[in-house]
């Protein structure tokens, strides 16, 4: 009897039921529609994001998009939600090396200006690499993020999502700023995030070979130096 039960359990663990298979395929189709909606939003904006445009981009039947998302506004909202999740997950992971760097820093050593400047330079290089990678690899996500904050002015239903996205994006930067400013790190983080966002949006359509990484790093160094309360804000070699 025990052997029979084990065999039955093994059979069910290695062979999915038709219902599970259908659900899995359905989730894949749903995700394809949402990802296509993100790309259409980046290219066409809100007005150009229709069921037909999404179906065409995804290379699927129009009836599938209306089956999974009868309301285009709900589809757009969920596309914004998925894009927000993708961005904040990547952001959190990208800042982890900087968090680990600070975890190994002896604050006493930062009494020396040279040590503080050296740390600022390391953080500036890491942040610049992060920004350049975002600009090059994630222009669609950046465009949709910008669209979210623009659209919230006319569609207040997006306001909670926009606020959640903003808070999640600020979280890792606040954690960094707490190392230098325990009193009001959220203010420094807000300033850094604003500058970083402007760098991203300003360069989103710039060809890779024309990206002025030296200028980006100089700006990043300046704002990080400000958060570190460095009197010398210029990047040192």
Protein backbone atom coordinates (compact mmCIF):
# COMPACT_ATOMS: atom_id res chain seq x y z
CA UNK A 1 0.00 0.00 0.00
CA UNK A 2 2.80 2.43 0.92
CA UNK A 3 4.59 1.71 -2.37
CA UNK A 4 1.38 2.35 -4.28
CA UNK A 5 0.87 5.73 -2.58
CA UNK A 6 4.46 6.75 -3.36
CA UNK A 7 3.98 5.80 -7.01
CA UNK A 8 0.75 7.80 -7.17
CA UNK A 9 2.41 10.83 -5.60
CA UNK A 10 5.31 10.56 -8.04
CA UNK A 11 2.89 10.36 -10.93
CA UNK A 12 1.06 13.52 -9.88
CA UNK A 13 4.29 15.41 -9.17
CA UNK A 14 5.67 14.81 -12.66
CA UNK A 15 2.50 15.10 -14.71
CA UNK A 16 0.37 18.23 -14.67
CA UNK A 17 -3.38 18.03 -15.02
CA UNK A 18 -4.95 19.63 -18.12
CA UNK A 19 -6.39 22.37 -15.88
CA UNK A 20 -2.94 23.34 -14.58
CA UNK A 21 -1.54 23.35 -18.12
CA UNK A 22 -4.35 25.59 -19.35
CA UNK A 23 -3.85 27.96 -16.44
CA UNK A 24 -0.11 28.12 -17.10
CA UNK A 25 -0.65 28.86 -20.79
CA UNK A 26 -3.28 31.43 -19.89
CA UNK A 27 -0.89 33.20 -17.53
CA UNK A 28 1.75 33.26 -20.25
CA UNK A 29 -0.71 34.83 -22.68
CA UNK A 30 -1.80 37.36 -20.09
CA UNK A 31 1.81 38.31 -19.38
CA UNK A 32 2.51 38.62 -23.11
CA UNK A 33 -0.41 41.03 -23.45
CA UNK A 34 0.76 43.12 -20.50
CA UNK A 35 4.36 43.26 -21.70
CA UNK A 36 3.17 44.24 -25.18
CA UNK A 37 0.98 46.93 -23.63
CA UNK A 38 4.05 48.35 -21.85
CA UNK A 39 5.92 48.57 -25.16
CA UNK A 40 2.94 50.11 -26.95
CA UNK A 41 2.55 52.67 -24.15
CA UNK A 42 6.19 53.66 -24.55
CA UNK A 43 5.81 54.03 -28.31
CA UNK A 44 2.29 55.42 -28.74
CA UNK A 45 1.35 56.99 -25.42
CA UNK A 46 -2.02 56.56 -23.71
CA UNK A 47 -4.22 57.53 -26.66
CA UNK A 48 -2.43 55.16 -29.01
CA UNK A 49 -2.66 52.21 -26.64
CA UNK A 50 -5.68 50.22 -27.82
CA UNK A 51 -6.65 46.57 -27.81
CA UNK A 52 -5.93 46.42 -31.53
CA UNK A 53 -2.49 48.05 -31.21
CA UNK A 54 -1.52 45.69 -28.38
CA UNK A 55 -2.75 42.60 -30.25
CA UNK A 56 -0.83 43.65 -33.35
CA UNK A 57 2.35 44.25 -31.35
CA UNK A 58 1.99 40.89 -29.56
CA UNK A 59 1.15 39.16 -32.85
CA UNK A 60 -1.96 37.56 -31.36
CA UNK A 61 -5.67 37.65 -32.17
CA UNK A 62 -7.57 40.75 -31.07
CA UNK A 63 -10.12 38.52 -29.33
CA UNK A 64 -7.43 37.33 -26.90
CA UNK A 65 -6.71 40.81 -25.58
CA UNK A 66 -10.40 41.52 -25.06
CA UNK A 67 -10.88 38.09 -23.46
CA UNK A 68 -8.23 38.68 -20.80
CA UNK A 69 -8.83 42.42 -20.45
CA UNK A 70 -12.29 43.59 -21.45
CA UNK A 71 -11.61 47.14 -20.25
CA UNK A 72 -8.69 48.92 -21.94
CA UNK A 73 -8.26 51.21 -18.93
CA UNK A 74 -7.82 48.20 -16.66
CA UNK A 75 -5.30 46.75 -19.11
CA UNK A 76 -3.34 50.00 -19.13
CA UNK A 77 -3.44 50.21 -15.32
CA UNK A 78 -2.12 46.66 -14.96
CA UNK A 79 0.57 47.36 -17.56
CA UNK A 80 1.70 50.36 -15.51
CA UNK A 81 1.66 48.15 -12.40
CA UNK A 82 3.80 45.46 -14.03
CA UNK A 83 6.26 48.03 -15.37
CA UNK A 84 6.52 49.63 -11.93
CA UNK A 85 7.27 46.26 -10.35
CA UNK A 86 9.96 45.53 -12.93
CA UNK A 87 11.63 48.91 -12.38
CA UNK A 88 11.61 48.85 -8.58
CA UNK A 89 12.91 45.26 -8.46
CA UNK A 90 15.83 46.15 -10.73
CA UNK A 91 16.49 49.36 -8.78
CA UNK A 92 16.65 47.55 -5.46
CA UNK A 93 19.09 44.97 -6.84
CA UNK A 94 21.21 47.62 -8.56
CA UNK A 95 21.77 49.56 -5.33
CA UNK A 96 22.74 46.48 -3.32
CA UNK A 97 26.51 46.73 -4.08
CA UNK A 98 26.51 50.31 -2.77
CA UNK A 99 24.72 49.19 0.40
CA UNK A 100 27.30 46.44 0.87
CA UNK A 101 30.13 48.93 0.30
CA UNK A 102 28.84 51.20 3.06
CA UNK A 103 28.34 48.24 5.40
CA UNK A 104 32.11 47.73 5.36
CA UNK A 105 33.02 51.38 5.90
CA UNK A 106 34.35 52.53 9.26
CA UNK A 107 32.64 55.87 9.92
CA UNK A 108 35.59 57.01 12.01
CA UNK A 109 37.81 56.87 8.92
CA UNK A 110 35.52 59.36 7.19
CA UNK A 111 36.78 62.11 9.48
CA UNK A 112 39.58 62.38 6.95
CA UNK A 113 38.39 64.39 3.96
CA UNK A 114 40.49 62.28 1.61
CA UNK A 115 38.73 59.09 2.79
CA UNK A 116 35.34 60.73 2.44
CA UNK A 117 36.16 61.93 -1.07
CA UNK A 118 37.40 58.47 -2.00
CA UNK A 119 34.12 56.94 -0.83
CA UNK A 120 32.16 59.61 -2.71
CA UNK A 121 34.08 58.77 -5.88
CA UNK A 122 33.35 55.05 -5.54
CA UNK A 123 29.65 55.71 -5.00
CA UNK A 124 29.56 58.15 -7.92
CA UNK A 125 31.12 55.59 -10.27
CA UNK A 126 28.66 52.90 -9.15
CA UNK A 127 25.67 55.24 -9.52
CA UNK A 128 26.84 56.43 -12.94
CA UNK A 129 27.19 52.85 -14.16
CA UNK A 130 23.67 52.16 -12.90
CA UNK A 131 22.21 55.20 -14.67
CA UNK A 132 23.99 54.53 -17.96
CA UNK A 133 22.84 50.91 -17.91
CA UNK A 134 19.25 52.06 -17.30
CA UNK A 135 19.43 54.56 -20.15
CA UNK A 136 20.86 52.00 -22.58
CA UNK A 137 19.01 48.84 -21.53
CA UNK A 138 15.64 50.11 -20.28
CA UNK A 139 14.37 52.99 -22.46
CA UNK A 140 10.89 51.43 -22.65
CA UNK A 141 10.58 51.21 -18.86
CA UNK A 142 11.85 54.77 -18.46
CA UNK A 143 9.36 56.07 -21.03
CA UNK A 144 6.45 54.30 -19.34
CA UNK A 145 7.57 55.54 -15.92
CA UNK A 146 7.60 59.09 -17.24
CA UNK A 147 4.17 58.52 -18.80
CA UNK A 148 2.79 57.25 -15.48
CA UNK A 149 3.72 60.44 -13.65
CA UNK A 150 2.38 62.57 -16.51
CA UNK A 151 -0.89 60.67 -16.86
CA UNK A 152 -1.65 60.78 -13.13
CA UNK A 153 -2.49 64.47 -13.56
CA UNK A 154 -5.55 63.59 -15.65
CA UNK A 155 -6.27 60.11 -14.31
CA UNK A 156 -6.37 60.21 -10.53
CA UNK A 157 -6.98 56.45 -10.37
CA UNK A 158 -3.27 56.08 -11.12
CA UNK A 159 -2.28 58.27 -8.15
CA UNK A 160 -1.95 55.41 -5.60
CA UNK A 161 0.23 53.41 -8.00
CA UNK A 162 2.39 56.44 -8.76
CA UNK A 163 2.91 57.06 -5.05
CA UNK A 164 3.74 53.40 -4.35
CA UNK A 165 6.21 53.44 -7.25
CA UNK A 166 7.85 56.61 -6.03
CA UNK A 167 8.18 55.28 -2.46
CA UNK A 168 9.63 51.96 -3.64
CA UNK A 169 12.12 53.74 -5.91
CA UNK A 170 13.25 56.00 -3.05
CA UNK A 171 13.65 53.21 -0.50
CA UNK A 172 17.17 52.02 -1.45
CA UNK A 173 18.40 55.61 -1.85
CA UNK A 174 17.05 56.54 1.58
CA UNK A 175 18.93 53.57 3.01
CA UNK A 176 22.16 54.94 1.55
CA UNK A 177 21.51 58.47 2.76
CA UNK A 178 20.85 57.22 6.30
CA UNK A 179 24.54 56.35 6.51
CA UNK A 180 25.46 60.04 6.29
CA UNK A 181 22.33 61.71 7.62
CA UNK A 182 20.25 60.07 10.32
CA UNK A 183 18.07 63.16 10.83
CA UNK A 184 16.24 63.58 7.50
CA UNK A 185 17.73 61.16 4.93
CA UNK A 186 14.49 61.17 2.93
CA UNK A 187 15.16 64.78 1.87
CA UNK A 188 18.63 63.97 0.54
CA UNK A 189 17.22 60.85 -1.14
CA UNK A 190 14.49 62.91 -2.79
CA UNK A 191 17.07 65.35 -4.19
CA UNK A 192 19.29 62.52 -5.49
CA UNK A 193 16.33 60.69 -7.05
CA UNK A 194 15.12 63.88 -8.75
CA UNK A 195 18.55 64.55 -10.26
CA UNK A 196 18.95 60.93 -11.37
CA UNK A 197 15.50 60.93 -12.98
CA UNK A 198 16.32 64.10 -14.91
CA UNK A 199 19.56 62.54 -16.14
CA UNK A 200 17.65 59.48 -17.36
CA UNK A 201 14.89 61.43 -19.12
CA UNK A 202 17.32 63.89 -20.69
CA UNK A 203 19.38 61.06 -22.19
CA UNK A 204 16.65 58.56 -23.03
CA UNK A 205 16.81 59.33 -26.77
CA UNK A 206 20.53 60.05 -26.99
CA UNK A 207 22.44 57.50 -29.13
CA UNK A 208 24.75 55.32 -27.03
CA UNK A 209 27.89 56.64 -28.72
CA UNK A 210 26.85 60.21 -27.87
CA UNK A 211 26.20 59.66 -24.16
CA UNK A 212 28.36 62.06 -22.17
CA UNK A 213 29.24 59.73 -19.30
CA UNK A 214 31.83 62.14 -17.91
CA UNK A 215 29.16 64.81 -17.51
CA UNK A 216 26.75 62.32 -15.96
CA UNK A 217 29.40 61.22 -13.47
CA UNK A 218 30.26 64.82 -12.60
CA UNK A 219 26.60 65.58 -11.82
CA UNK A 220 26.21 62.36 -9.85
CA UNK A 221 29.38 63.10 -7.89
CA UNK A 222 28.14 66.59 -7.06
CA UNK A 223 24.78 65.45 -5.70
CA UNK A 224 26.25 62.53 -3.74
CA UNK A 225 28.88 64.86 -2.31
CA UNK A 226 26.08 67.16 -1.20
CA UNK A 227 24.35 64.28 0.61
CA UNK A 228 27.67 63.41 2.28
CA UNK A 229 28.10 67.03 3.39
CA UNK A 230 31.38 67.33 1.52
CA UNK A 231 32.66 70.88 1.18
CA UNK A 232 34.65 69.84 -1.88
CA UNK A 233 31.94 68.73 -4.31
CA UNK A 234 34.10 68.23 -7.38
CA UNK A 235 34.98 64.72 -8.52
CA UNK A 236 38.58 63.85 -7.67
CA UNK A 237 40.68 61.32 -9.50
